[in-house]
Amino acid sequence: MKKRKIIPYNHKLKEFARELRNNSTKAEVILWQKIKRKQMYGYDFHRQKPLGNYIVDFFCHELILAIEVDGYSHSLLEVYNRDIKKEKELNGLGVHVLRYSDYQVLKDTYNVLNSIENYITEYEKHTPNPSQEGNGKGKE
């Protein structure tokens, strides 16, 4: 079995992440209803997950994928610049980030989900099955 990469996080963020889970936006709730309980190709997503010095809206450890849902404030230059910095630091930890606006999730949920599905199918194409690791072949 493939060993999980451990991604460090700031333990001081745990309580704040809990508060965020209890105060989700409408867009976050809608997306969560579609990806929770392994509904997305059997992958397990978590809400408001601390990674590094940040909290991401959704995270899947198996895919090393963060999903961010940005509200209206993210269009402000200061917030946008923080988002860019956050994404670069997460990328440095090996985390890929998919970013959607509240508007996209609320008004075009189908295409948001389609985009996540496309990421997963591309990821699966380029990631060896655990039974194939090490010898280049599956069990025979």
C-alpha atoms as a PDB file:
ATOM      1  CA  MET A   1       0.000   0.000   0.000  1.00  0.00           C
ATOM      2  CA  LYS A   2       1.223   3.492  -0.856  1.00  0.00           C
ATOM      3  CA  LYS A   3       2.445   5.416   2.184  1.00  0.00           C
ATOM      4  CA  ARG A   4       0.612   8.685   2.835  1.00  0.00           C
ATOM      5  CA  LYS A   5       2.634  11.867   2.695  1.00  0.00           C
ATOM      6  CA  ILE A   6       2.422  13.682   6.009  1.00  0.00           C
ATOM      7  CA  ILE A   7       1.628  17.352   5.526  1.00  0.00           C
ATOM      8  CA  PRO A   8       2.542  19.435   8.578  1.00  0.00           C
ATOM      9  CA  TYR A   9       0.109  22.004   9.941  1.00  0.00           C
ATOM     10  CA  ASN A  10      -0.086  24.690  12.570  1.00  0.00           C
ATOM     11  CA  HIS A  11      -1.906  23.075  15.519  1.00  0.00           C
ATOM     12  CA  LYS A  12      -3.175  26.495  16.623  1.00  0.00           C
ATOM     13  CA  LEU A  13      -5.513  26.410  13.587  1.00  0.00           C
ATOM     14  CA  LYS A  14      -7.538  23.381  14.750  1.00  0.00           C
ATOM     15  CA  GLU A  15     -10.066  25.340  16.817  1.00  0.00           C
ATOM     16  CA  PHE A  16     -10.524  27.968  14.096  1.00  0.00           C
ATOM     17  CA  ALA A  17     -11.066  25.191  11.526  1.00  0.00           C
ATOM     18  CA  ARG A  18     -13.798  23.764  13.768  1.00  0.00           C
ATOM     19  CA  GLU A  19     -15.468  27.196  13.899  1.00  0.00           C
ATOM     20  CA  LEU A  20     -15.313  27.461  10.102  1.00  0.00           C
ATOM     21  CA  ARG A  21     -16.942  24.034   9.747  1.00  0.00           C
ATOM     22  CA  ASN A  22     -19.788  25.240  11.944  1.00  0.00           C
ATOM     23  CA  ASN A  23     -20.210  28.459   9.913  1.00  0.00           C
ATOM     24  CA  SER A  24     -19.977  27.283   6.299  1.00  0.00           C
ATOM     25  CA  THR A  25     -21.147  29.428   3.418  1.00  0.00           C
ATOM     26  CA  LYS A  26     -24.082  28.311   1.290  1.00  0.00           C
ATOM     27  CA  ALA A  27     -21.699  27.452  -1.568  1.00  0.00           C
ATOM     28  CA  GLU A  28     -19.510  25.352   0.748  1.00  0.00           C
ATOM     29  CA  VAL A  29     -22.565  23.470   2.021  1.00  0.00           C
ATOM     30  CA  ILE A  30     -23.746  22.747  -1.528  1.00  0.00           C
ATOM     31  CA  LEU A  31     -20.327  21.458  -2.623  1.00  0.00           C
ATOM     32  CA  TRP A  32     -19.899  19.447   0.589  1.00  0.00           C
ATOM     33  CA  GLN A  33     -23.218  17.676  -0.063  1.00  0.00           C
ATOM     34  CA  LYS A  34     -21.785  16.450  -3.385  1.00  0.00           C
ATOM     35  CA  ILE A  35     -18.299  15.329  -2.273  1.00  0.00           C
ATOM     36  CA  LYS A  36     -18.733  14.018   1.293  1.00  0.00           C
ATOM     37  CA  ARG A  37     -18.863  10.330   2.235  1.00  0.00           C
ATOM     38  CA  LYS A  38     -16.676   9.243  -0.663  1.00  0.00           C
ATOM     39  CA  GLN A  39     -19.304  10.252  -3.261  1.00  0.00           C
ATOM     40  CA  MET A  40     -16.602  11.552  -5.600  1.00  0.00           C
ATOM     41  CA  TYR A  41     -15.102   8.374  -7.135  1.00  0.00           C
ATOM     42  CA  GLY A  42     -14.660   6.875  -3.660  1.00  0.00           C
ATOM     43  CA  TYR A  43     -12.264   9.591  -2.436  1.00  0.00           C
ATOM     44  CA  ASP A  44     -12.549  10.859   1.130  1.00  0.00           C
ATOM     45  CA  PHE A  45     -12.733  14.658   1.452  1.00  0.00           C
ATOM     46  CA  HIS A  46     -12.521  16.647   4.683  1.00  0.00           C
ATOM     47  CA  ARG A  47     -13.898  20.138   5.408  1.00  0.00           C
ATOM     48  CA  GLN A  48     -11.864  23.067   6.719  1.00  0.00           C
ATOM     49  CA  LYS A  49      -8.590  21.180   6.959  1.00  0.00           C
ATOM     50  CA  PRO A  50      -5.456  22.837   8.385  1.00  0.00           C
ATOM     51  CA  LEU A  51      -2.440  22.452   6.059  1.00  0.00           C
ATOM     52  CA  GLY A  52       0.787  24.303   6.773  1.00  0.00           C
ATOM     53  CA  ASN A  53      -0.209  27.705   8.147  1.00  0.00           C
ATOM     54  CA  TYR A  54      -3.536  27.727   6.305  1.00  0.00           C
ATOM     55  CA  ILE A  55      -6.980  26.179   6.377  1.00  0.00           C
ATOM     56  CA  VAL A  56      -8.371  24.871   3.093  1.00  0.00           C
ATOM     57  CA  ASP A  57     -12.096  24.528   2.473  1.00  0.00           C
ATOM     58  CA  PHE A  58     -11.882  20.879   1.380  1.00  0.00           C
ATOM     59  CA  PHE A  59      -9.009  18.416   1.273  1.00  0.00           C
ATOM     60  CA  CYS A  60      -8.500  14.881  -0.021  1.00  0.00           C
ATOM     61  CA  HIS A  61      -5.359  13.233   1.326  1.00  0.00           C
ATOM     62  CA  GLU A  62      -5.300  10.431  -1.272  1.00  0.00           C
ATOM     63  CA  LEU A  63      -5.325  12.948  -4.120  1.00  0.00           C
ATOM     64  CA  ILE A  64      -3.277  15.559  -2.214  1.00  0.00           C
ATOM     65  CA  LEU A  65      -5.955  17.954  -3.473  1.00  0.00           C
ATOM     66  CA  ALA A  66      -7.332  21.095  -1.844  1.00  0.00           C
ATOM     67  CA  ILE A  67     -10.514  22.738  -3.071  1.00  0.00           C
ATOM     68  CA  GLU A  68     -11.096  26.390  -2.272  1.00  0.00           C
ATOM     69  CA  VAL A  69     -14.452  28.177  -2.589  1.00  0.00           C
ATOM     70  CA  ASP A  70     -13.906  31.926  -2.749  1.00  0.00           C
ATOM     71  CA  GLY A  71     -16.528  34.426  -1.637  1.00  0.00           C
ATOM     72  CA  TYR A  72     -16.954  37.971  -2.920  1.00  0.00           C
ATOM     73  CA  SER A  73     -14.102  39.310  -0.728  1.00  0.00           C
ATOM     74  CA  HIS A  74     -11.587  37.277  -2.730  1.00  0.00           C
ATOM     75  CA  SER A  75     -11.991  39.708  -5.615  1.00  0.00           C
ATOM     76  CA  LEU A  76     -10.332  42.419  -3.489  1.00  0.00           C
ATOM     77  CA  LEU A  77      -6.669  42.853  -4.397  1.00  0.00           C
ATOM     78  CA  GLU A  78      -5.387  42.318  -0.843  1.00  0.00           C
ATOM     79  CA  VAL A  79      -7.331  39.072  -0.406  1.00  0.00           C
ATOM     80  CA  TYR A  80      -6.420  37.936  -3.922  1.00  0.00           C
ATOM     81  CA  ASN A  81      -2.713  38.438  -3.145  1.00  0.00           C
ATOM     82  CA  ARG A  82      -3.070  36.380   0.060  1.00  0.00           C
ATOM     83  CA  ASP A  83      -4.779  33.629  -1.968  1.00  0.00           C
ATOM     84  CA  ILE A  84      -1.848  33.583  -4.418  1.00  0.00           C
ATOM     85  CA  LYS A  85       0.653  33.315  -1.541  1.00  0.00           C
ATOM     86  CA  LYS A  86      -1.421  30.576   0.123  1.00  0.00           C
ATOM     87  CA  GLU A  87      -1.620  28.591  -3.098  1.00  0.00           C
ATOM     88  CA  LYS A  88       2.134  28.851  -3.715  1.00  0.00           C
ATOM     89  CA  GLU A  89       2.906  27.648  -0.197  1.00  0.00           C
ATOM     90  CA  LEU A  90       0.442  24.762  -0.504  1.00  0.00           C
ATOM     91  CA  ASN A  91       1.973  23.823  -3.872  1.00  0.00           C
ATOM     92  CA  GLY A  92       5.350  23.807  -2.104  1.00  0.00           C
ATOM     93  CA  LEU A  93       3.927  21.187   0.276  1.00  0.00           C
ATOM     94  CA  GLY A  94       2.908  19.099  -2.751  1.00  0.00           C
ATOM     95  CA  VAL A  95      -0.770  20.070  -2.585  1.00  0.00           C
ATOM     96  CA  HIS A  96      -2.656  20.828  -5.798  1.00  0.00           C
ATOM     97  CA  VAL A  97      -5.352  23.509  -5.420  1.00  0.00           C
ATOM     98  CA  LEU A  98      -8.599  23.809  -7.373  1.00  0.00           C
ATOM     99  CA  ARG A  99     -10.279  27.187  -6.860  1.00  0.00           C
ATOM    100  CA  TYR A 100     -13.901  28.105  -7.550  1.00  0.00           C
ATOM    101  CA  SER A 101     -15.961  31.185  -6.769  1.00  0.00           C
ATOM    102  CA  ASP A 102     -19.124  31.069  -4.661  1.00  0.00           C
ATOM    103  CA  TYR A 103     -20.968  32.120  -7.798  1.00  0.00           C
ATOM    104  CA  GLN A 104     -19.626  29.145  -9.789  1.00  0.00           C
ATOM    105  CA  VAL A 105     -20.632  26.681  -7.076  1.00  0.00           C
ATOM    106  CA  LEU A 106     -24.086  28.233  -6.625  1.00  0.00           C
ATOM    107  CA  LYS A 107     -24.954  28.802 -10.290  1.00  0.00           C
ATOM    108  CA  ASP A 108     -22.920  26.173 -12.138  1.00  0.00           C
ATOM    109  CA  THR A 109     -22.517  23.267  -9.722  1.00  0.00           C
ATOM    110  CA  TYR A 110     -22.549  20.743 -12.560  1.00  0.00           C
ATOM    111  CA  ASN A 111     -19.422  22.176 -14.199  1.00  0.00           C
ATOM    112  CA  VAL A 112     -17.628  22.596 -10.856  1.00  0.00           C
ATOM    113  CA  LEU A 113     -18.208  18.907 -10.129  1.00  0.00           C
ATOM    114  CA  ASN A 114     -17.209  18.042 -13.685  1.00  0.00           C
ATOM    115  CA  SER A 115     -13.949  19.933 -13.204  1.00  0.00           C
ATOM    116  CA  ILE A 116     -13.196  18.013  -9.981  1.00  0.00           C
ATOM    117  CA  GLU A 117     -14.020  14.729 -11.724  1.00  0.00           C
ATOM    118  CA  ASN A 118     -11.668  15.651 -14.581  1.00  0.00           C
ATOM    119  CA  TYR A 119      -8.863  16.338 -12.100  1.00  0.00           C
ATOM    120  CA  ILE A 120      -9.453  12.939 -10.459  1.00  0.00           C
ATOM    121  CA  THR A 121      -9.470  11.008 -13.746  1.00  0.00           C
ATOM    122  CA  GLU A 122      -6.238  12.759 -14.837  1.00  0.00           C
ATOM    123  CA  TYR A 123      -4.679  12.039 -11.443  1.00  0.00           C
ATOM    124  CA  GLU A 124      -5.634   8.365 -11.706  1.00  0.00           C
ATOM    125  CA  LYS A 125      -4.131   8.108 -15.202  1.00  0.00           C
ATOM    126  CA  HIS A 126      -0.756   9.317 -13.924  1.00  0.00           C
ATOM    127  CA  THR A 127      -0.679   7.534 -10.556  1.00  0.00           C
ATOM    128  CA  PRO A 128       0.224   3.871 -10.415  1.00  0.00           C
ATOM    129  CA  ASN A 129      -2.204   1.479  -8.812  1.00  0.00           C
ATOM    130  CA  PRO A 130      -0.723   0.429  -5.432  1.00  0.00           C
ATOM    131  CA  SER A 131      -0.642  -3.208  -6.598  1.00  0.00           C
ATOM    132  CA  GLN A 132       1.559  -2.112  -9.526  1.00  0.00           C
ATOM    133  CA  GLU A 133       4.108  -0.087  -7.586  1.00  0.00           C
ATOM    134  CA  GLY A 134       7.617  -1.384  -7.373  1.00  0.00           C
ATOM    135  CA  ASN A 135       7.562  -3.881 -10.228  1.00  0.00           C
ATOM    136  CA  GLY A 136       5.772  -2.095 -13.052  1.00  0.00           C
ATOM    137  CA  LYS A 137       3.076  -4.779 -13.249  1.00  0.00           C
ATOM    138  CA  GLY A 138      -0.089  -5.793 -11.452  1.00  0.00           C
ATOM    139  CA  LYS A 139      -0.569  -9.057  -9.575  1.00  0.00           C
ATOM    140  CA  GLU A 140      -0.536 -12.043 -11.819  1.00  0.00           C
END
